[in-house]
Amino acid sequence: MTSKQADDRWIIEEAGEPVGMIVRDEAGFVFHAAAADVWSLDRRVFPNVHAARHAAKDLLRIKRRPPLNKAVRR
């Protein structure tokens, strides 16, 4: 899900599609969203690449989950 692009930048992908990029700066690792499903993570600072990747993966799992079918009572 993560591929290293340069020394301080990592592309975050889901199903082969880029959803964001993590950039190292003096505050930590800043997430830059590239997809609407992870927009709430945009410019959020994480302590490491692993934490940012997990946050994106968890958010995508919630956002892209198929809707539950409601049981119909008769």
PDB file of N, CA and C in Angstrom:
ATOM      1  N   MET A   1       0.813  -1.192   0.000  1.00  0.00           N
ATOM      2  CA  MET A   1       0.000   0.000   0.000  1.00  0.00           C
ATOM      3  C   MET A   1       0.864   1.267   0.000  1.00  0.00           C
ATOM      4  N   THR A   2       2.122   1.156   0.399  1.00  0.00           N
ATOM      5  CA  THR A   2       2.993   2.321   0.416  1.00  0.00           C
ATOM      6  C   THR A   2       4.185   2.051  -0.480  1.00  0.00           C
ATOM      7  N   SER A   3       4.562   3.027  -1.268  1.00  0.00           N
ATOM      8  CA  SER A   3       5.785   2.897  -2.051  1.00  0.00           C
ATOM      9  C   SER A   3       6.640   4.126  -1.814  1.00  0.00           C
ATOM     10  N   LYS A   4       7.925   3.893  -1.596  1.00  0.00           N
ATOM     11  CA  LYS A   4       8.823   5.010  -1.342  1.00  0.00           C
ATOM     12  C   LYS A   4       9.184   5.656  -2.666  1.00  0.00           C
ATOM     13  N   GLN A   5       9.015   6.979  -2.754  1.00  0.00           N
ATOM     14  CA  GLN A   5       9.287   7.701  -3.998  1.00  0.00           C
ATOM     15  C   GLN A   5      10.646   8.381  -3.937  1.00  0.00           C
ATOM     16  N   ALA A   6      10.971   8.997  -2.852  1.00  0.00           N
ATOM     17  CA  ALA A   6      12.249   9.671  -2.657  1.00  0.00           C
ATOM     18  C   ALA A   6      12.588   9.559  -1.183  1.00  0.00           C
ATOM     19  N   ASP A   7      13.643  10.181  -0.748  1.00  0.00           N
ATOM     20  CA  ASP A   7      14.069  10.055   0.642  1.00  0.00           C
ATOM     21  C   ASP A   7      13.014  10.486   1.650  1.00  0.00           C
ATOM     22  N   ASP A   8      12.260  11.514   1.350  1.00  0.00           N
ATOM     23  CA  ASP A   8      11.328  12.055   2.326  1.00  0.00           C
ATOM     24  C   ASP A   8       9.877  12.077   1.856  1.00  0.00           C
ATOM     25  N   ARG A   9       9.541  11.286   0.830  1.00  0.00           N
ATOM     26  CA  ARG A   9       8.167  11.259   0.320  1.00  0.00           C
ATOM     27  C   ARG A   9       7.750   9.810   0.063  1.00  0.00           C
ATOM     28  N   TRP A  10       6.511   9.497   0.430  1.00  0.00           N
ATOM     29  CA  TRP A  10       5.965   8.163   0.204  1.00  0.00           C
ATOM     30  C   TRP A  10       4.581   8.304  -0.403  1.00  0.00           C
ATOM     31  N   ILE A  11       4.306   7.528  -1.433  1.00  0.00           N
ATOM     32  CA  ILE A  11       2.986   7.490  -2.064  1.00  0.00           C
ATOM     33  C   ILE A  11       2.169   6.403  -1.362  1.00  0.00           C
ATOM     34  N   ILE A  12       0.937   6.737  -1.005  1.00  0.00           N
ATOM     35  CA  ILE A  12       0.019   5.778  -0.392  1.00  0.00           C
ATOM     36  C   ILE A  12      -0.964   5.342  -1.469  1.00  0.00           C
ATOM     37  N   GLU A  13      -1.043   4.047  -1.693  1.00  0.00           N
ATOM     38  CA  GLU A  13      -1.931   3.499  -2.725  1.00  0.00           C
ATOM     39  C   GLU A  13      -2.917   2.517  -2.109  1.00  0.00           C
ATOM     40  N   GLU A  14      -4.056   2.421  -2.723  1.00  0.00           N
ATOM     41  CA  GLU A  14      -5.071   1.424  -2.372  1.00  0.00           C
ATOM     42  C   GLU A  14      -5.586   0.832  -3.665  1.00  0.00           C
ATOM     43  N   ALA A  15      -5.485  -0.463  -3.801  1.00  0.00           N
ATOM     44  CA  ALA A  15      -5.912  -1.172  -5.014  1.00  0.00           C
ATOM     45  C   ALA A  15      -5.230  -0.582  -6.257  1.00  0.00           C
ATOM     46  N   GLY A  16      -3.959  -0.221  -6.117  1.00  0.00           N
ATOM     47  CA  GLY A  16      -3.198   0.290  -7.244  1.00  0.00           C
ATOM     48  C   GLY A  16      -3.441   1.741  -7.594  1.00  0.00           C
ATOM     49  N   GLU A  17      -4.298   2.421  -6.842  1.00  0.00           N
ATOM     50  CA  GLU A  17      -4.612   3.829  -7.097  1.00  0.00           C
ATOM     51  C   GLU A  17      -4.028   4.699  -5.987  1.00  0.00           C
ATOM     52  N   PRO A  18      -3.355   5.803  -6.326  1.00  0.00           N
ATOM     53  CA  PRO A  18      -2.829   6.678  -5.286  1.00  0.00           C
ATOM     54  C   PRO A  18      -3.959   7.403  -4.553  1.00  0.00           C
ATOM     55  N   VAL A  19      -3.878   7.400  -3.226  1.00  0.00           N
ATOM     56  CA  VAL A  19      -4.874   8.113  -2.428  1.00  0.00           C
ATOM     57  C   VAL A  19      -4.242   9.261  -1.655  1.00  0.00           C
ATOM     58  N   GLY A  20      -2.920   9.285  -1.587  1.00  0.00           N
ATOM     59  CA  GLY A  20      -2.256  10.363  -0.879  1.00  0.00           C
ATOM     60  C   GLY A  20      -0.757  10.219  -0.900  1.00  0.00           C
ATOM     61  N   MET A  21      -0.096  11.205  -0.299  1.00  0.00           N
ATOM     62  CA  MET A  21       1.346  11.199  -0.191  1.00  0.00           C
ATOM     63  C   MET A  21       1.719  11.643   1.217  1.00  0.00           C
ATOM     64  N   ILE A  22       2.772  11.051   1.756  1.00  0.00           N
ATOM     65  CA  ILE A  22       3.304  11.435   3.051  1.00  0.00           C
ATOM     66  C   ILE A  22       4.637  12.122   2.792  1.00  0.00           C
ATOM     67  N   VAL A  23       4.812  13.286   3.416  1.00  0.00           N
ATOM     68  CA  VAL A  23       6.054  14.043   3.252  1.00  0.00           C
ATOM     69  C   VAL A  23       6.647  14.309   4.632  1.00  0.00           C
ATOM     70  N   ARG A  24       7.926  13.974   4.786  1.00  0.00           N
ATOM     71  CA  ARG A  24       8.606  14.232   6.061  1.00  0.00           C
ATOM     72  C   ARG A  24       8.920  15.719   6.173  1.00  0.00           C
ATOM     73  N   ASP A  25       8.641  16.284   7.351  1.00  0.00           N
ATOM     74  CA  ASP A  25       9.091  17.650   7.645  1.00  0.00           C
ATOM     75  C   ASP A  25       9.534  17.690   9.103  1.00  0.00           C
ATOM     76  N   GLU A  26       9.887  18.854   9.605  1.00  0.00           N
ATOM     77  CA  GLU A  26      10.424  18.944  10.966  1.00  0.00           C
ATOM     78  C   GLU A  26       9.400  18.566  12.032  1.00  0.00           C
ATOM     79  N   ALA A  27       8.108  18.625  11.740  1.00  0.00           N
ATOM     80  CA  ALA A  27       7.061  18.278  12.706  1.00  0.00           C
ATOM     81  C   ALA A  27       6.759  16.782  12.728  1.00  0.00           C
ATOM     82  N   GLY A  28       7.092  16.067  11.683  1.00  0.00           N
ATOM     83  CA  GLY A  28       6.795  14.641  11.580  1.00  0.00           C
ATOM     84  C   GLY A  28       6.546  14.272  10.134  1.00  0.00           C
ATOM     85  N   PHE A  29       5.487  13.535   9.893  1.00  0.00           N
ATOM     86  CA  PHE A  29       5.135  13.078   8.551  1.00  0.00           C
ATOM     87  C   PHE A  29       3.761  13.639   8.200  1.00  0.00           C
ATOM     88  N   VAL A  30       3.697  14.485   7.203  1.00  0.00           N
ATOM     89  CA  VAL A  30       2.466  15.180   6.831  1.00  0.00           C
ATOM     90  C   VAL A  30       1.785  14.419   5.698  1.00  0.00           C
ATOM     91  N   PHE A  31       0.491  14.129   5.897  1.00  0.00           N
ATOM     92  CA  PHE A  31      -0.302  13.431   4.883  1.00  0.00           C
ATOM     93  C   PHE A  31      -0.937  14.456   3.956  1.00  0.00           C
ATOM     94  N   HIS A  32      -0.805  14.232   2.651  1.00  0.00           N
ATOM     95  CA  HIS A  32      -1.439  15.091   1.644  1.00  0.00           C
ATOM     96  C   HIS A  32      -2.408  14.213   0.845  1.00  0.00           C
ATOM     97  N   ALA A  33      -3.685  14.483   0.990  1.00  0.00           N
ATOM     98  CA  ALA A  33      -4.720  13.665   0.355  1.00  0.00           C
ATOM     99  C   ALA A  33      -4.754  13.879  -1.149  1.00  0.00           C
ATOM    100  N   ALA A  34      -4.976  12.784  -1.869  1.00  0.00           N
ATOM    101  CA  ALA A  34      -5.139  12.835  -3.317  1.00  0.00           C
ATOM    102  C   ALA A  34      -6.485  12.248  -3.733  1.00  0.00           C
ATOM    103  N   ALA A  35      -7.269  11.789  -2.761  1.00  0.00           N
ATOM    104  CA  ALA A  35      -8.581  11.192  -3.041  1.00  0.00           C
ATOM    105  C   ALA A  35      -9.584  11.712  -2.013  1.00  0.00           C
ATOM    106  N   ALA A  36     -10.799  11.873  -2.438  1.00  0.00           N
ATOM    107  CA  ALA A  36     -11.853  12.415  -1.574  1.00  0.00           C
ATOM    108  C   ALA A  36     -12.088  11.560  -0.329  1.00  0.00           C
ATOM    109  N   ASP A  37     -11.909  10.259  -0.440  1.00  0.00           N
ATOM    110  CA  ASP A  37     -12.168   9.365   0.689  1.00  0.00           C
ATOM    111  C   ASP A  37     -11.214   9.566   1.862  1.00  0.00           C
ATOM    112  N   VAL A  38     -10.079  10.191   1.632  1.00  0.00           N
ATOM    113  CA  VAL A  38      -9.120  10.424   2.715  1.00  0.00           C
ATOM    114  C   VAL A  38      -8.892  11.919   2.965  1.00  0.00           C
ATOM    115  N   TRP A  39      -9.790  12.744   2.469  1.00  0.00           N
ATOM    116  CA  TRP A  39      -9.636  14.186   2.584  1.00  0.00           C
ATOM    117  C   TRP A  39      -9.511  14.644   4.038  1.00  0.00           C
ATOM    118  N   SER A  40     -10.156  13.961   4.959  1.00  0.00           N
ATOM    119  CA  SER A  40     -10.097  14.366   6.369  1.00  0.00           C
ATOM    120  C   SER A  40      -8.699  14.198   6.965  1.00  0.00           C
ATOM    121  N   LEU A  41      -7.830  13.459   6.300  1.00  0.00           N
ATOM    122  CA  LEU A  41      -6.454  13.294   6.771  1.00  0.00           C
ATOM    123  C   LEU A  41      -5.512  14.340   6.185  1.00  0.00           C
ATOM    124  N   ASP A  42      -5.999  15.158   5.250  1.00  0.00           N
ATOM    125  CA  ASP A  42      -5.143  16.112   4.554  1.00  0.00           C
ATOM    126  C   ASP A  42      -4.442  17.051   5.537  1.00  0.00           C
ATOM    127  N   ARG A  43      -3.131  17.126   5.417  1.00  0.00           N
ATOM    128  CA  ARG A  43      -2.239  17.981   6.220  1.00  0.00           C
ATOM    129  C   ARG A  43      -2.146  17.568   7.685  1.00  0.00           C
ATOM    130  N   ARG A  44      -2.655  16.389   8.002  1.00  0.00           N
ATOM    131  CA  ARG A  44      -2.508  15.879   9.365  1.00  0.00           C
ATOM    132  C   ARG A  44      -1.082  15.360   9.540  1.00  0.00           C
ATOM    133  N   VAL A  45      -0.505  15.617  10.701  1.00  0.00           N
ATOM    134  CA  VAL A  45       0.872  15.211  10.982  1.00  0.00           C
ATOM    135  C   VAL A  45       0.860  13.910  11.784  1.00  0.00           C
ATOM    136  N   PHE A  46       1.674  12.951  11.347  1.00  0.00           N
ATOM    137  CA  PHE A  46       1.782  11.649  12.001  1.00  0.00           C
ATOM    138  C   PHE A  46       3.204  11.462  12.517  1.00  0.00           C
ATOM    139  N   PRO A  47       3.373  10.633  13.543  1.00  0.00           N
ATOM    140  CA  PRO A  47       4.716  10.430  14.097  1.00  0.00           C
ATOM    141  C   PRO A  47       5.640   9.611  13.187  1.00  0.00           C
ATOM    142  N   ASN A  48       5.031   8.791  12.321  1.00  0.00           N
ATOM    143  CA  ASN A  48       5.834   7.963  11.415  1.00  0.00           C
ATOM    144  C   ASN A  48       4.993   7.551  10.205  1.00  0.00           C
ATOM    145  N   VAL A  49       5.649   6.965   9.222  1.00  0.00           N
ATOM    146  CA  VAL A  49       4.979   6.537   7.985  1.00  0.00           C
ATOM    147  C   VAL A  49       3.947   5.457   8.280  1.00  0.00           C
ATOM    148  N   HIS A  50       4.294   4.548   9.161  1.00  0.00           N
ATOM    149  CA  HIS A  50       3.388   3.442   9.492  1.00  0.00           C
ATOM    150  C   HIS A  50       2.050   3.959  10.037  1.00  0.00           C
ATOM    151  N   ALA A  51       2.095   4.943  10.927  1.00  0.00           N
ATOM    152  CA  ALA A  51       0.864   5.510  11.509  1.00  0.00           C
ATOM    153  C   ALA A  51       0.009   6.183  10.442  1.00  0.00           C
ATOM    154  N   ALA A  52       0.636   6.896   9.532  1.00  0.00           N
ATOM    155  CA  ALA A  52      -0.102   7.569   8.453  1.00  0.00           C
ATOM    156  C   ALA A  52      -0.742   6.553   7.516  1.00  0.00           C
ATOM    157  N   ARG A  53       0.014   5.525   7.173  1.00  0.00           N
ATOM    158  CA  ARG A  53      -0.504   4.482   6.286  1.00  0.00           C
ATOM    159  C   ARG A  53      -1.689   3.772   6.930  1.00  0.00           C
ATOM    160  N   HIS A  54      -1.575   3.476   8.217  1.00  0.00           N
ATOM    161  CA  HIS A  54      -2.679   2.802   8.921  1.00  0.00           C
ATOM    162  C   HIS A  54      -3.920   3.684   8.995  1.00  0.00           C
ATOM    163  N   ALA A  55      -3.739   4.966   9.239  1.00  0.00           N
ATOM    164  CA  ALA A  55      -4.884   5.882   9.300  1.00  0.00           C
ATOM    165  C   ALA A  55      -5.608   5.924   7.962  1.00  0.00           C
ATOM    166  N   ALA A  56      -4.865   5.976   6.868  1.00  0.00           N
ATOM    167  CA  ALA A  56      -5.476   5.993   5.541  1.00  0.00           C
ATOM    168  C   ALA A  56      -6.191   4.678   5.257  1.00  0.00           C
ATOM    169  N   LYS A  57      -5.551   3.575   5.589  1.00  0.00           N
ATOM    170  CA  LYS A  57      -6.145   2.254   5.350  1.00  0.00           C
ATOM    171  C   LYS A  57      -7.439   2.084   6.150  1.00  0.00           C
ATOM    172  N   ASP A  58      -7.420   2.481   7.424  1.00  0.00           N
ATOM    173  CA  ASP A  58      -8.619   2.365   8.261  1.00  0.00           C
ATOM    174  C   ASP A  58      -9.754   3.243   7.741  1.00  0.00           C
ATOM    175  N   LEU A  59      -9.427   4.465   7.350  1.00  0.00           N
ATOM    176  CA  LEU A  59     -10.445   5.379   6.834  1.00  0.00           C
ATOM    177  C   LEU A  59     -11.046   4.853   5.527  1.00  0.00           C
ATOM    178  N   LEU A  60     -10.215   4.320   4.647  1.00  0.00           N
ATOM    179  CA  LEU A  60     -10.712   3.766   3.389  1.00  0.00           C
ATOM    180  C   LEU A  60     -11.601   2.556   3.631  1.00  0.00           C
ATOM    181  N   ARG A  61     -11.250   1.747   4.605  1.00  0.00           N
ATOM    182  CA  ARG A  61     -12.060   0.564   4.923  1.00  0.00           C
ATOM    183  C   ARG A  61     -13.463   0.995   5.357  1.00  0.00           C
ATOM    184  N   ILE A  62     -13.546   2.055   6.145  1.00  0.00           N
ATOM    185  CA  ILE A  62     -14.844   2.556   6.611  1.00  0.00           C
ATOM    186  C   ILE A  62     -15.612   3.214   5.472  1.00  0.00           C
ATOM    187  N   LYS A  63     -14.951   4.076   4.721  1.00  0.00           N
ATOM    188  CA  LYS A  63     -15.620   4.837   3.654  1.00  0.00           C
ATOM    189  C   LYS A  63     -16.066   3.954   2.495  1.00  0.00           C
ATOM    190  N   ARG A  64     -15.303   2.932   2.189  1.00  0.00           N
ATOM    191  CA  ARG A  64     -15.595   2.107   1.007  1.00  0.00           C
ATOM    192  C   ARG A  64     -16.317   0.807   1.344  1.00  0.00           C
ATOM    193  N   ARG A  65     -16.739   0.690   2.601  1.00  0.00           N
ATOM    194  CA  ARG A  65     -17.478  -0.505   3.012  1.00  0.00           C
ATOM    195  C   ARG A  65     -18.835  -0.509   2.320  1.00  0.00           C
ATOM    196  N   PRO A  66     -19.251  -1.640   1.756  1.00  0.00           N
ATOM    197  CA  PRO A  66     -20.577  -1.679   1.136  1.00  0.00           C
ATOM    198  C   PRO A  66     -21.667  -1.460   2.180  1.00  0.00           C
ATOM    199  N   PRO A  67     -22.760  -0.805   1.797  1.00  0.00           N
ATOM    200  CA  PRO A  67     -23.841  -0.556   2.758  1.00  0.00           C
ATOM    201  C   PRO A  67     -24.462  -1.859   3.241  1.00  0.00           C
ATOM    202  N   LEU A  68     -24.881  -1.848   4.494  1.00  0.00           N
ATOM    203  CA  LEU A  68     -25.541  -3.024   5.048  1.00  0.00           C
ATOM    204  C   LEU A  68     -26.972  -3.091   4.546  1.00  0.00           C
ATOM    205  N   ASN A  69     -27.424  -4.281   4.239  1.00  0.00           N
ATOM    206  CA  ASN A  69     -28.822  -4.471   3.851  1.00  0.00           C
ATOM    207  C   ASN A  69     -29.640  -4.552   5.122  1.00  0.00           C
ATOM    208  N   LYS A  70     -30.670  -3.737   5.190  1.00  0.00           N
ATOM    209  CA  LYS A  70     -31.535  -3.760   6.360  1.00  0.00           C
ATOM    210  C   LYS A  70     -32.580  -4.858   6.188  1.00  0.00           C
ATOM    211  N   ALA A  71     -32.774  -5.593   7.238  1.00  0.00           N
ATOM    212  CA  ALA A  71     -33.773  -6.655   7.208  1.00  0.00           C
ATOM    213  C   ALA A  71     -35.168  -6.012   7.204  1.00  0.00           C
ATOM    214  N   VAL A  72     -36.027  -6.588   6.412  1.00  0.00           N
ATOM    215  CA  VAL A  72     -37.398  -6.077   6.305  1.00  0.00           C
ATOM    216  C   VAL A  72     -38.303  -7.019   7.104  1.00  0.00           C
ATOM    217  N   ARG A  73     -39.048  -6.446   8.048  1.00  0.00           N
ATOM    218  CA  ARG A  73     -39.979  -7.253   8.829  1.00  0.00           C
ATOM    219  C   ARG A  73     -41.316  -7.292   8.127  1.00  0.00           C
ATOM    220  N   ARG A  74     -41.900  -8.427   8.126  1.00  0.00           N
ATOM    221  CA  ARG A  74     -43.235  -8.589   7.528  1.00  0.00           C
ATOM    222  C   ARG A  74     -44.159  -9.227   8.501  1.00  0.00           C
TER     223      ARG A  74
END
